[in-house]
């Protein structure tokens, strides 16, 4: 039985297959000894994301993301180290004991603490809704909206009373500080460092992540007070736009039906879900983000968006759906009668009536064109331009050439213009992918690393014998790059501990995304080397020669400086050093 966290991590990693773990998140296809996929961390059409079972690492040649199995789960799930370790431990059947401390300074992060605080708060609000006389009106409201006890329990709905600090007092009595509650977004700072509850006199809707951990809350008023809805601020546990409400409850049914229904608000989701429509999630009133779309892509490529008749006419709303097309999803639009929300419609027409609306959904092209033809006159030149300006960017995002050609043909007939004219305009469109740039910028680094140092690093983490030989030939300070020196330090330490310095182990010990990328880049350099022994010797020779040249250049500069200052004593010493350096042979 492992007795410290380091040994537990070693045990877990020894039982993991990175291809199996990554493959449970994204579709992989075999490419020789490795697997390839489109990167889940940035938008791309050509797969540049590589998973290496032999090295137990992943690396994206497009955005630079790279690391081991644990770092992949951390990045993909947006969770901390210990949470990722617990997920993987459960998969391979390793029990993680409780530790007072942990190796490498790793401990449960702020996000983990906030998850526990949020769970505590959700239980408090739920108990208040179920058992307190203060929640009488809230319970009546939910009954009026036809919610039953089972659905209240499943979604852990709650109630926040009208007092300014009732939750704050309860939490402090349980030993939770006001500062921690503020970090969780549950209380707000008042005057003179006082605090008060964020949610008051509201029905509470806990917001869950994919693993059903409470990450935030939404609150709805029972009267006409404003704002009608209030959500948690962003915290270390919750980033707006990275979650879909109810998705955690919908995963199995989404997979079974191979499509997801997207609605806007809490009750728009809960009422259909209660009726048996369980492949449904909500955006919480915001436009779909790239992160939300990639969550969806983990489970299906087919999306049905619910619009009401008033909202559907908004060109901005429709333009936002082009993002789904860019990410390779098939989008349909279902329209409800004017003034009705999904919860209203289900209450009046039942599950079957709602499903008829879903089944009658139009694809995005047809839906968008239909609306534009109602708004503009396709026989008028200016209106032809307005319609094409809205339609062509959508068509431009369609990756399938046959489908794109079909759309151009149909648009040509609708506007009474030639396909050549539309294709000419289509070729002029430059799509804006700036929204995808941040992830790439965040990961892509410019490394000022000598090629020989990068290659020898790749060889060292591939072969412990080469690592030992390098140690005998090169000192730590023989490496010019600070990144390589940091990596080599860990490799040498692992050798001292009689541990094989393979890629996954070195990456774990470094615990640095930037250095993980350096290692992955180095391994990509050595992927197809045949004579590794010769490559190792060549790199050693190159590094030593480069170092000698650098020393000569530096000494020559110092000699010129001593001559200019008339410092004869220093000058003679430097000349002797240069002569000795010239006599050395590499």
Protein backbone atom coordinates (compact mmCIF):
# COMPACT_ATOMS: atom_id res chain seq x y z
CA UNK A 1 0.00 0.00 0.00
CA UNK A 2 1.38 3.38 -0.95
CA UNK A 3 2.28 5.43 2.11
CA UNK A 4 2.73 8.94 0.70
CA UNK A 5 1.13 10.96 -2.05
CA UNK A 6 4.12 10.61 -4.36
CA UNK A 7 3.86 6.82 -4.24
CA UNK A 8 0.08 6.97 -4.71
CA UNK A 9 0.57 9.09 -7.82
CA UNK A 10 3.16 6.63 -9.13
CA UNK A 11 0.73 3.75 -8.55
CA UNK A 12 -2.11 5.55 -10.33
CA UNK A 13 0.06 6.57 -13.29
CA UNK A 14 1.41 3.03 -13.67
CA UNK A 15 -2.16 1.76 -14.17
CA UNK A 16 -3.32 4.52 -16.54
CA UNK A 17 -3.50 4.30 -20.31
CA UNK A 18 -3.49 7.87 -21.60
CA UNK A 19 -5.11 6.86 -24.90
CA UNK A 20 -8.01 5.27 -23.04
CA UNK A 21 -8.48 8.30 -20.76
CA UNK A 22 -8.19 10.94 -23.50
CA UNK A 23 -10.34 8.76 -25.78
CA UNK A 24 -13.14 8.92 -23.21
CA UNK A 25 -13.24 12.69 -23.73
CA UNK A 26 -12.58 13.11 -27.44
CA UNK A 27 -12.61 10.76 -30.47
CA UNK A 28 -9.13 9.47 -31.30
CA UNK A 29 -7.95 7.75 -34.46
CA UNK A 30 -4.81 5.67 -34.72
CA UNK A 31 -1.83 7.17 -36.55
CA UNK A 32 0.99 4.64 -36.47
CA UNK A 33 2.13 4.14 -32.88
CA UNK A 34 0.19 7.18 -31.73
CA UNK A 35 -3.34 8.56 -31.87
CA UNK A 36 -4.50 11.83 -33.41
CA UNK A 37 -7.49 14.13 -32.96
CA UNK A 38 -8.60 17.71 -33.41
CA UNK A 39 -7.36 19.57 -30.36
CA UNK A 40 -10.01 20.05 -27.65
CA UNK A 41 -8.25 23.22 -26.46
CA UNK A 42 -8.38 25.29 -29.63
CA UNK A 43 -10.31 25.32 -32.91
CA UNK A 44 -8.76 23.46 -35.81
CA UNK A 45 -9.87 21.62 -38.93
CA UNK A 46 -6.80 19.42 -39.40
CA UNK A 47 -5.90 17.18 -36.44
CA UNK A 48 -2.66 18.27 -34.77
CA UNK A 49 -3.34 16.82 -31.32
CA UNK A 50 -1.23 13.69 -30.72
CA UNK A 51 -1.52 11.13 -27.91
CA UNK A 52 1.46 8.86 -27.35
CA UNK A 53 0.69 5.64 -25.41
CA UNK A 54 4.40 4.74 -25.38
CA UNK A 55 5.38 8.00 -23.69
CA UNK A 56 2.04 8.48 -21.84
CA UNK A 57 1.80 12.12 -22.94
CA UNK A 58 -0.29 14.31 -25.25
CA UNK A 59 0.81 17.26 -27.33
CA UNK A 60 -0.86 19.70 -29.70
CA UNK A 61 1.38 21.02 -32.46
CA UNK A 62 -1.14 23.79 -33.13
CA UNK A 63 -1.57 25.54 -29.78
CA UNK A 64 1.25 23.96 -27.78
CA UNK A 65 -0.84 22.28 -25.09
CA UNK A 66 0.86 19.21 -23.70
CA UNK A 67 1.37 17.06 -20.64
CA UNK A 68 0.50 13.77 -19.01
CA UNK A 69 -2.82 12.08 -18.21
CA UNK A 70 -3.40 14.03 -15.00
CA UNK A 71 -2.73 17.40 -16.63
CA UNK A 72 -5.10 16.52 -19.49
CA UNK A 73 -7.96 15.81 -17.10
CA UNK A 74 -7.16 18.98 -15.13
CA UNK A 75 -7.21 21.12 -18.27
CA UNK A 76 -10.23 19.47 -19.90
CA UNK A 77 -12.35 19.44 -16.74
CA UNK A 78 -11.03 22.81 -15.51
CA UNK A 79 -10.26 21.28 -12.10
CA UNK A 80 -7.31 21.20 -9.72
CA UNK A 81 -4.66 18.51 -9.36
CA UNK A 82 -6.22 16.58 -6.47
CA UNK A 83 -9.65 16.52 -8.10
CA UNK A 84 -8.14 15.11 -11.30
CA UNK A 85 -6.13 12.59 -9.28
CA UNK A 86 -9.28 11.43 -7.49
CA UNK A 87 -11.12 10.94 -10.80
CA UNK A 88 -8.27 8.86 -12.20
CA UNK A 89 -7.77 6.94 -8.96
CA UNK A 90 -11.39 5.86 -9.08
CA UNK A 91 -11.00 4.70 -12.69
CA UNK A 92 -8.05 2.43 -11.86
CA UNK A 93 -9.27 1.32 -8.43
CA UNK A 94 -6.67 3.04 -6.25
CA UNK A 95 -7.77 4.43 -2.91
CA UNK A 96 -6.22 7.77 -1.97
CA UNK A 97 -5.58 8.03 1.79
CA UNK A 98 -5.95 11.28 3.67
CA UNK A 99 -2.67 13.17 3.86
CA UNK A 100 -1.66 15.98 6.19
CA UNK A 101 0.65 17.26 3.49
CA UNK A 102 1.49 16.42 -0.08
CA UNK A 103 4.56 16.19 -2.27
CA UNK A 104 5.66 19.11 -4.45
CA UNK A 105 3.55 21.46 -2.34
CA UNK A 106 0.38 20.24 -3.98
CA UNK A 107 -2.77 20.68 -1.89
CA UNK A 108 -6.42 21.12 -2.49
CA UNK A 109 -6.86 24.41 -4.28
CA UNK A 110 -9.25 27.24 -3.76
CA UNK A 111 -11.59 25.62 -6.30
CA UNK A 112 -11.90 22.50 -4.14
CA UNK A 113 -12.63 24.60 -1.08
CA UNK A 114 -15.30 26.52 -2.96
CA UNK A 115 -16.92 23.28 -4.14
CA UNK A 116 -17.32 22.24 -0.51
CA UNK A 117 -18.67 25.65 0.50
CA UNK A 118 -21.13 25.60 -2.41
CA UNK A 119 -22.35 22.14 -1.44
CA UNK A 120 -22.81 23.37 2.11
CA UNK A 121 -24.80 26.38 0.85
CA UNK A 122 -26.93 24.25 -1.49
CA UNK A 123 -27.89 21.97 1.41
CA UNK A 124 -28.77 24.99 3.54
CA UNK A 125 -31.00 26.57 0.86
CA UNK A 126 -32.62 23.22 0.04
CA UNK A 127 -33.44 22.50 3.69
CA UNK A 128 -34.94 25.97 4.02
CA UNK A 129 -37.17 25.42 0.96
CA UNK A 130 -38.41 22.06 2.18
CA UNK A 131 -38.88 22.70 5.87
CA UNK A 132 -39.09 26.39 6.76
CA UNK A 133 -42.29 28.43 7.12
CA UNK A 134 -40.31 31.31 5.58
CA UNK A 135 -40.44 29.41 2.27
CA UNK A 136 -44.25 29.01 2.11
CA UNK A 137 -44.58 31.40 -0.83
CA UNK A 138 -41.65 29.78 -2.62
CA UNK A 139 -43.22 26.32 -2.27
CA UNK A 140 -46.56 27.66 -3.54
CA UNK A 141 -44.78 29.21 -6.51
CA UNK A 142 -43.09 25.93 -7.43
CA UNK A 143 -46.38 24.02 -7.08
CA UNK A 144 -48.00 26.59 -9.34
CA UNK A 145 -45.22 25.96 -11.88
CA UNK A 146 -46.05 22.21 -11.56
CA UNK A 147 -42.70 21.15 -10.07
CA UNK A 148 -42.91 17.97 -8.01
CA UNK A 149 -40.89 16.93 -4.95
CA UNK A 150 -38.68 14.53 -6.90
CA UNK A 151 -37.51 17.20 -9.34
CA UNK A 152 -36.94 19.69 -6.50
CA UNK A 153 -34.73 17.09 -4.84
CA UNK A 154 -32.86 16.11 -8.03
CA UNK A 155 -31.99 19.70 -8.97
CA UNK A 156 -31.49 20.54 -5.28
CA UNK A 157 -33.65 23.65 -5.54
CA UNK A 158 -33.58 25.92 -2.52
CA UNK A 159 -34.79 29.15 -0.98
CA UNK A 160 -32.96 32.17 0.42
CA UNK A 161 -34.94 34.07 3.03
CA UNK A 162 -35.38 37.84 2.96
CA UNK A 163 -33.10 38.66 5.89
CA UNK A 164 -29.87 40.44 5.07
CA UNK A 165 -27.52 37.94 6.70
CA UNK A 166 -29.36 34.75 7.67
CA UNK A 167 -27.10 32.49 5.59
CA UNK A 168 -24.01 34.41 6.70
CA UNK A 169 -24.89 33.85 10.38
CA UNK A 170 -25.59 30.16 9.80
CA UNK A 171 -22.31 29.64 7.94
CA UNK A 172 -20.24 31.52 10.53
CA UNK A 173 -21.81 29.40 13.28
CA UNK A 174 -20.52 26.36 11.40
CA UNK A 175 -17.01 27.80 11.27
CA UNK A 176 -17.02 29.22 7.74
CA UNK A 177 -15.47 32.69 7.52
CA UNK A 178 -17.12 35.62 5.78
CA UNK A 179 -14.01 36.03 3.61
CA UNK A 180 -14.35 32.46 2.30
CA UNK A 181 -18.05 33.01 1.63
CA UNK A 182 -17.20 36.14 -0.33
CA UNK A 183 -14.70 34.19 -2.44
CA UNK A 184 -17.52 31.76 -3.21
CA UNK A 185 -19.74 34.66 -4.27
CA UNK A 186 -22.29 33.89 -1.54
CA UNK A 187 -21.92 37.12 0.42
CA UNK A 188 -21.13 40.70 -0.58
CA UNK A 189 -18.89 43.23 1.19
CA UNK A 190 -20.82 46.13 2.69
CA UNK A 191 -19.73 49.29 4.44
CA UNK A 192 -16.96 49.22 7.05
CA UNK A 193 -15.92 45.64 6.15
CA UNK A 194 -19.36 44.25 6.92
CA UNK A 195 -20.91 41.43 4.87
CA UNK A 196 -24.43 40.49 3.78
CA UNK A 197 -26.06 37.65 1.82
CA UNK A 198 -25.97 37.89 -1.96
CA UNK A 199 -29.20 35.90 -2.38
CA UNK A 200 -32.25 37.12 -0.46
CA UNK A 201 -35.93 36.22 -0.88
CA UNK A 202 -35.22 34.15 -3.96
CA UNK A 203 -35.70 30.60 -5.18
CA UNK A 204 -32.21 29.14 -5.51
CA UNK A 205 -31.03 27.07 -8.47
CA UNK A 206 -27.64 25.39 -7.86
CA UNK A 207 -25.48 25.28 -11.00
CA UNK A 208 -23.59 22.00 -11.39
CA UNK A 209 -20.51 21.01 -13.37
CA UNK A 210 -20.33 17.77 -15.35
CA UNK A 211 -19.46 15.80 -12.23
CA UNK A 212 -22.49 17.23 -10.41
CA UNK A 213 -20.40 19.43 -8.13
CA UNK A 214 -22.10 22.71 -7.23
CA UNK A 215 -20.04 25.52 -8.78
CA UNK A 216 -22.43 28.48 -8.53
CA UNK A 217 -26.02 29.56 -7.95
CA UNK A 218 -28.85 31.37 -9.65
CA UNK A 219 -31.66 33.07 -7.77
CA UNK A 220 -35.15 34.04 -8.99
CA UNK A 221 -37.39 36.56 -7.22
CA UNK A 222 -40.96 35.66 -6.24
CA UNK A 223 -42.35 39.13 -6.99
CA UNK A 224 -41.69 41.93 -9.47
CA UNK A 225 -38.44 43.01 -7.84
CA UNK A 226 -35.40 43.62 -10.05
CA UNK A 227 -33.22 42.04 -11.10
CA UNK A 228 -35.53 39.11 -11.79
CA UNK A 229 -32.58 36.70 -11.90
CA UNK A 230 -29.27 36.96 -10.08
CA UNK A 231 -26.31 34.66 -10.68
CA UNK A 232 -23.09 34.01 -8.76
CA UNK A 233 -20.07 36.02 -9.89
CA UNK A 234 -17.10 34.26 -11.42
CA UNK A 235 -14.93 32.47 -8.86
CA UNK A 236 -12.06 29.98 -8.82
CA UNK A 237 -14.73 27.27 -9.12
CA UNK A 238 -17.00 28.97 -11.68
CA UNK A 239 -16.20 30.70 -14.96
CA UNK A 240 -19.19 32.13 -16.77
CA UNK A 241 -19.63 30.57 -20.19
CA UNK A 242 -17.91 27.28 -19.33
CA UNK A 243 -20.97 25.49 -17.97
CA UNK A 244 -24.41 24.53 -19.25
CA UNK A 245 -27.17 24.26 -16.68
CA UNK A 246 -28.47 20.71 -16.29
CA UNK A 247 -25.95 19.13 -18.67
CA UNK A 248 -24.75 16.83 -15.88
CA UNK A 249 -28.25 15.30 -15.68
CA UNK A 250 -28.64 15.04 -19.46
CA UNK A 251 -25.48 13.22 -20.59
CA UNK A 252 -26.87 9.68 -20.81
CA UNK A 253 -29.97 10.72 -22.74
CA UNK A 254 -27.97 12.97 -25.08
CA UNK A 255 -25.80 9.98 -25.96
CA UNK A 256 -28.87 7.76 -26.39
CA UNK A 257 -30.72 10.19 -28.70
CA UNK A 258 -27.60 11.67 -30.30
CA UNK A 259 -28.84 15.24 -30.02
CA UNK A 260 -29.18 17.96 -27.41
CA UNK A 261 -31.93 20.53 -26.94
CA UNK A 262 -30.70 23.96 -25.84
CA UNK A 263 -33.01 26.32 -23.97
CA UNK A 264 -32.34 29.53 -22.10
CA UNK A 265 -33.31 29.41 -18.42
CA UNK A 266 -33.69 27.23 -15.35
CA UNK A 267 -37.41 26.44 -15.57
CA UNK A 268 -37.23 26.22 -19.37
CA UNK A 269 -35.07 23.17 -18.69
CA UNK A 270 -36.59 21.74 -15.50
CA UNK A 271 -40.22 21.52 -16.66
CA UNK A 272 -39.41 19.65 -19.92
CA UNK A 273 -36.98 17.45 -17.98
CA UNK A 274 -39.71 16.58 -15.48
CA UNK A 275 -41.99 15.63 -18.38
CA UNK A 276 -39.41 13.10 -19.62
CA UNK A 277 -37.41 15.19 -22.11
CA UNK A 278 -34.00 14.66 -20.59
CA UNK A 279 -31.55 15.44 -23.41
CA UNK A 280 -31.75 19.13 -22.59
CA UNK A 281 -29.49 21.85 -21.18
CA UNK A 282 -29.71 25.61 -20.66
CA UNK A 283 -27.39 28.51 -21.49
CA UNK A 284 -28.51 30.62 -18.52
CA UNK A 285 -29.52 33.52 -20.72
CA UNK A 286 -26.20 34.01 -22.51
CA UNK A 287 -25.10 33.33 -26.08
CA UNK A 288 -23.36 29.99 -26.54
CA UNK A 289 -19.62 30.22 -25.97
CA UNK A 290 -16.81 28.18 -27.52
CA UNK A 291 -16.29 26.38 -24.19
CA UNK A 292 -19.98 25.42 -23.97
CA UNK A 293 -19.99 24.19 -27.56
CA UNK A 294 -16.99 21.99 -26.87
CA UNK A 295 -18.79 20.56 -23.85
CA UNK A 296 -21.65 19.64 -26.17
CA UNK A 297 -19.27 18.07 -28.72
CA UNK A 298 -18.13 15.58 -26.11
CA UNK A 299 -21.54 13.92 -26.31
CA UNK A 300 -23.15 14.75 -29.68
CA UNK A 301 -22.71 16.74 -32.90
CA UNK A 302 -26.43 17.52 -33.24
CA UNK A 303 -28.03 20.55 -31.60
CA UNK A 304 -31.61 21.81 -31.54
CA UNK A 305 -31.95 25.40 -30.34
CA UNK A 306 -35.31 26.55 -28.98
CA UNK A 307 -36.32 30.09 -29.92
CA UNK A 308 -39.55 31.83 -29.16
CA UNK A 309 -41.09 33.72 -32.05
CA UNK A 310 -40.02 37.13 -30.72
CA UNK A 311 -36.41 36.17 -30.11
CA UNK A 312 -36.02 34.31 -33.41
CA UNK A 313 -36.12 37.48 -35.46
CA UNK A 314 -33.00 38.83 -33.81
CA UNK A 315 -30.20 38.72 -36.39
CA UNK A 316 -27.59 38.82 -33.62
CA UNK A 317 -29.04 35.67 -32.05
CA UNK A 318 -28.83 33.84 -35.36
CA UNK A 319 -25.31 35.09 -36.05
CA UNK A 320 -24.24 33.66 -32.72
CA UNK A 321 -25.31 30.22 -33.92
CA UNK A 322 -22.72 30.38 -36.71
CA UNK A 323 -20.22 29.51 -34.00
CA UNK A 324 -21.82 26.08 -33.72
CA UNK A 325 -21.34 25.55 -37.45
CA UNK A 326 -17.68 26.61 -37.17
CA UNK A 327 -17.17 23.91 -34.57
CA UNK A 328 -18.60 21.26 -36.91
CA UNK A 329 -22.01 20.83 -35.26
CA UNK A 330 -25.29 20.28 -37.11
CA UNK A 331 -27.74 22.93 -35.94
CA UNK A 332 -31.52 23.02 -36.09
CA UNK A 333 -33.89 25.72 -34.87
CA UNK A 334 -37.27 25.00 -33.30
CA UNK A 335 -39.69 27.89 -32.80
CA UNK A 336 -42.34 28.10 -30.10
CA UNK A 337 -45.56 30.10 -30.52
CA UNK A 338 -45.17 33.80 -29.83
CA UNK A 339 -44.84 34.63 -26.15
CA UNK A 340 -44.43 31.04 -24.94
CA UNK A 341 -41.41 29.61 -23.15
CA UNK A 342 -40.52 25.90 -23.15
CA UNK A 343 -41.94 25.45 -19.63
CA UNK A 344 -45.25 27.13 -20.63
CA UNK A 345 -45.49 25.04 -23.78
CA UNK A 346 -44.80 21.73 -22.04
CA UNK A 347 -47.34 22.51 -19.30
CA UNK A 348 -50.03 23.16 -21.93
CA UNK A 349 -49.11 20.58 -24.59
CA UNK A 350 -47.18 17.91 -22.73
CA UNK A 351 -44.09 15.99 -23.73
CA UNK A 352 -45.51 14.81 -27.09
CA UNK A 353 -46.48 18.33 -28.11
CA UNK A 354 -43.01 19.62 -27.29
CA UNK A 355 -41.35 16.79 -29.21
CA UNK A 356 -43.44 17.65 -32.29
CA UNK A 357 -41.93 21.13 -32.18
CA UNK A 358 -38.46 19.55 -31.97
CA UNK A 359 -39.14 17.15 -34.82
CA UNK A 360 -40.33 20.02 -37.01
CA UNK A 361 -37.14 22.05 -36.48
CA UNK A 362 -35.46 23.57 -39.55
CA UNK A 363 -31.74 23.42 -40.17
CA UNK A 364 -29.96 26.71 -39.61
CA UNK A 365 -29.68 27.54 -43.33
CA UNK A 366 -33.40 27.02 -44.04
CA UNK A 367 -34.49 28.76 -40.86
CA UNK A 368 -32.30 31.78 -41.38
CA UNK A 369 -33.22 32.13 -45.05
CA UNK A 370 -36.92 31.80 -44.28
CA UNK A 371 -36.75 34.66 -41.75
CA UNK A 372 -34.73 36.89 -44.06
CA UNK A 373 -37.10 36.35 -46.98
CA UNK A 374 -39.96 37.50 -44.74
CA UNK A 375 -38.03 40.60 -43.74
CA UNK A 376 -36.56 41.59 -47.11
CA UNK A 377 -37.72 41.58 -50.72
CA UNK A 378 -35.46 39.27 -52.76
CA UNK A 379 -36.43 41.06 -56.01
CA UNK A 380 -34.88 44.33 -54.80
CA UNK A 381 -31.13 44.77 -55.34
CA UNK A 382 -30.40 46.27 -51.91
CA UNK A 383 -32.38 43.53 -50.15
CA UNK A 384 -30.58 40.83 -52.15
CA UNK A 385 -27.35 42.23 -50.73
CA UNK A 386 -28.71 42.31 -47.16
CA UNK A 387 -29.87 38.70 -47.37
CA UNK A 388 -26.62 37.46 -48.90
CA UNK A 389 -24.58 39.39 -46.30
CA UNK A 390 -26.38 37.42 -43.58
CA UNK A 391 -26.39 34.04 -45.32
CA UNK A 392 -22.91 33.81 -46.85
CA UNK A 393 -20.94 33.92 -43.56
CA UNK A 394 -23.03 30.97 -42.36
CA UNK A 395 -22.35 29.05 -45.58
CA UNK A 396 -18.65 29.94 -45.39
CA UNK A 397 -18.43 28.13 -42.05
CA UNK A 398 -19.84 24.87 -43.47
CA UNK A 399 -16.91 22.50 -43.90
CA UNK A 400 -18.57 19.94 -46.18
CA UNK A 401 -18.06 21.06 -49.78
CA UNK A 402 -21.13 19.23 -51.13
CA UNK A 403 -23.40 20.78 -48.51
CA UNK A 404 -21.90 24.20 -49.10
CA UNK A 405 -22.50 23.87 -52.86
CA UNK A 406 -26.11 22.86 -52.20
CA UNK A 407 -26.66 25.93 -50.00
CA UNK A 408 -25.19 28.22 -52.65
CA UNK A 409 -27.48 26.67 -55.27
CA UNK A 410 -30.57 27.17 -53.12
CA UNK A 411 -29.61 30.73 -52.17
CA UNK A 412 -29.02 31.47 -55.86
CA UNK A 413 -32.58 30.44 -56.69
CA UNK A 414 -34.06 32.34 -53.74
CA UNK A 415 -32.29 35.59 -54.69
CA UNK A 416 -32.51 35.20 -58.49
CA UNK A 417 -28.75 35.61 -58.88
CA UNK A 418 -26.12 33.32 -60.36
CA UNK A 419 -24.15 30.84 -58.30
CA UNK A 420 -20.95 32.36 -59.71
CA UNK A 421 -21.87 35.75 -58.27
CA UNK A 422 -22.52 34.22 -54.83
CA UNK A 423 -19.32 32.17 -54.93
CA UNK A 424 -17.41 35.30 -55.86
CA UNK A 425 -18.81 37.09 -52.78
CA UNK A 426 -18.21 33.99 -50.66
CA UNK A 427 -14.51 34.04 -51.57
CA UNK A 428 -14.22 37.62 -50.26
CA UNK A 429 -15.49 36.75 -46.78
CA UNK A 430 -12.84 36.61 -44.09
CA UNK A 431 -14.27 34.91 -41.05
CA UNK A 432 -13.42 36.27 -37.63
CA UNK A 433 -11.81 33.58 -35.50
CA UNK A 434 -10.38 36.03 -32.98
CA UNK A 435 -12.53 34.49 -30.26
CA UNK A 436 -10.39 31.36 -30.59
CA UNK A 437 -7.09 33.18 -30.32
CA UNK A 438 -6.70 33.44 -26.57
CA UNK A 439 -6.24 29.73 -25.91
CA UNK A 440 -3.68 29.54 -28.68
CA UNK A 441 -1.86 32.64 -27.44
CA UNK A 442 -1.92 31.35 -23.89
CA UNK A 443 -0.30 28.05 -24.87
CA UNK A 444 1.93 29.02 -27.75
CA UNK A 445 5.35 30.04 -26.49
CA UNK A 446 8.44 31.24 -28.29
CA UNK A 447 11.28 29.17 -26.99
CA UNK A 448 14.84 30.43 -27.40
CA UNK A 449 16.29 26.94 -27.07
CA UNK A 450 19.23 25.63 -29.02
CA UNK A 451 18.19 22.66 -31.23
CA UNK A 452 20.85 20.38 -29.74
CA UNK A 453 19.58 21.06 -26.20
CA UNK A 454 16.00 20.35 -27.22
CA UNK A 455 16.96 17.11 -28.99
CA UNK A 456 19.09 15.84 -26.13
CA UNK A 457 16.24 16.55 -23.69
CA UNK A 458 13.93 14.42 -25.81
CA UNK A 459 16.50 11.61 -25.87
CA UNK A 460 16.99 11.81 -22.08
CA UNK A 461 13.31 11.37 -21.24
CA UNK A 462 13.03 8.56 -23.77
CA UNK A 463 16.07 6.57 -22.59
CA UNK A 464 17.41 6.48 -18.99
CA UNK A 465 20.77 5.17 -20.24
CA UNK A 466 21.21 8.25 -22.40
CA UNK A 467 20.12 10.43 -19.46
CA UNK A 468 22.90 8.90 -17.35
CA UNK A 469 25.48 9.38 -20.13
CA UNK A 470 24.47 13.02 -20.56
CA UNK A 471 24.92 13.53 -16.84
CA UNK A 472 28.48 12.21 -17.12
CA UNK A 473 29.25 14.56 -20.03
CA UNK A 474 27.43 17.80 -19.18
CA UNK A 475 27.07 19.87 -16.06
CA UNK A 476 23.82 21.62 -15.19
CA UNK A 477 25.20 25.01 -16.30
CA UNK A 478 26.36 23.63 -19.65
CA UNK A 479 22.79 24.07 -20.84
CA UNK A 480 22.12 27.56 -22.14
CA UNK A 481 18.31 27.52 -21.81
CA UNK A 482 16.79 28.05 -18.35
CA UNK A 483 13.85 25.84 -19.38
CA UNK A 484 16.21 22.97 -20.24
CA UNK A 485 18.20 23.51 -17.02
CA UNK A 486 14.96 23.19 -15.01
CA UNK A 487 14.06 19.97 -16.81
CA UNK A 488 17.57 18.53 -16.50
CA UNK A 489 17.57 19.27 -12.76
CA UNK A 490 14.49 17.08 -12.34
CA UNK A 491 15.95 14.33 -14.56
CA UNK A 492 19.18 14.24 -12.54
CA UNK A 493 17.22 14.17 -9.27
CA UNK A 494 15.11 11.26 -10.47
CA UNK A 495 18.30 9.39 -11.43
CA UNK A 496 19.60 9.97 -7.89
CA UNK A 497 16.37 8.45 -6.58
CA UNK A 498 16.83 5.43 -8.86
CA UNK A 499 13.67 6.33 -10.76
CA UNK A 500 13.36 6.20 -14.53
CA UNK A 501 13.03 9.83 -15.76
CA UNK A 502 10.33 9.11 -18.36
CA UNK A 503 8.23 11.89 -19.85
CA UNK A 504 5.14 11.48 -17.68
CA UNK A 505 7.19 11.34 -14.46
CA UNK A 506 9.31 14.38 -15.37
CA UNK A 507 6.20 16.37 -16.37
CA UNK A 508 4.50 15.48 -13.10
CA UNK A 509 7.54 16.50 -11.05
CA UNK A 510 7.88 19.80 -12.89
CA UNK A 511 4.18 20.70 -12.52
CA UNK A 512 4.58 23.51 -15.07
CA UNK A 513 2.54 23.84 -18.28
CA UNK A 514 5.29 25.80 -20.02
CA UNK A 515 7.94 23.16 -19.29
CA UNK A 516 5.51 20.37 -20.21
CA UNK A 517 5.28 21.95 -23.64
CA UNK A 518 9.08 22.08 -23.92
CA UNK A 519 9.30 18.34 -23.15
CA UNK A 520 6.58 17.50 -25.67
CA UNK A 521 8.30 19.63 -28.31
CA UNK A 522 11.59 17.89 -27.54
CA UNK A 523 10.00 14.46 -27.89
CA UNK A 524 8.46 15.43 -31.22
CA UNK A 525 11.98 16.28 -32.44
CA UNK A 526 13.26 12.78 -31.62
CA UNK A 527 10.14 10.84 -32.65
CA UNK A 528 11.64 9.30 -35.79
CA UNK A 529 15.34 9.13 -34.90
CA UNK A 530 16.86 5.80 -35.90
CA UNK A 531 20.42 6.01 -34.53
CA UNK A 532 19.80 7.57 -31.11
CA UNK A 533 23.33 6.86 -29.88
CA UNK A 534 24.85 8.86 -32.75
CA UNK A 535 22.29 11.64 -32.25
CA UNK A 536 23.16 11.81 -28.56
CA UNK A 537 26.91 12.06 -29.28
CA UNK A 538 26.36 14.70 -31.99
CA UNK A 539 24.30 16.81 -29.60
CA UNK A 540 26.89 16.56 -26.84
CA UNK A 541 29.57 17.68 -29.29
CA UNK A 542 27.41 20.54 -30.60
CA UNK A 543 26.60 21.82 -27.10
CA UNK A 544 30.24 21.73 -26.02
CA UNK A 545 31.38 23.50 -29.20
CA UNK A 546 28.66 26.14 -28.92
CA UNK A 547 29.58 26.73 -25.29
CA UNK A 548 33.24 27.12 -26.22
CA UNK A 549 32.40 29.62 -28.96
CA UNK A 550 30.24 31.58 -26.52
CA UNK A 551 33.07 31.66 -23.98
CA UNK A 552 35.54 32.86 -26.62
CA UNK A 553 33.19 35.62 -27.76
CA UNK A 554 32.62 36.69 -24.16
CA UNK A 555 36.36 36.71 -23.36
CA UNK A 556 37.13 38.65 -26.56
CA UNK A 557 34.63 41.29 -25.52
CA UNK A 558 36.10 41.51 -22.02
CA UNK A 559 39.63 41.85 -23.51
CA UNK A 560 38.51 44.81 -25.65
CA UNK A 561 36.90 46.38 -22.60
CA UNK A 562 40.12 45.95 -20.54
CA UNK A 563 42.19 47.49 -23.37
CA UNK A 564 39.88 50.53 -23.54
CA UNK A 565 40.22 51.09 -19.78
CA UNK A 566 43.98 50.52 -19.77
CA UNK A 567 43.63 47.75 -17.18
CA UNK A 568 46.82 45.83 -18.02
CA UNK A 569 46.63 43.38 -15.13
CA UNK A 570 43.10 42.31 -15.99
CA UNK A 571 44.00 42.28 -19.69
CA UNK A 572 46.85 39.81 -19.22
CA UNK A 573 44.65 37.49 -17.13
CA UNK A 574 41.92 37.48 -19.77
CA UNK A 575 44.43 36.79 -22.56
CA UNK A 576 45.76 33.78 -20.62
CA UNK A 577 42.18 32.47 -20.19
CA UNK A 578 41.56 32.85 -23.93
CA UNK A 579 44.80 31.03 -24.78
CA UNK A 580 43.87 28.16 -22.48
CA UNK A 581 40.42 27.99 -24.03
CA UNK A 582 41.91 27.87 -27.54
CA UNK A 583 44.13 24.96 -26.52
CA UNK A 584 41.13 22.89 -25.40
CA UNK A 585 39.84 20.34 -27.87
CA UNK A 586 36.21 19.25 -28.18
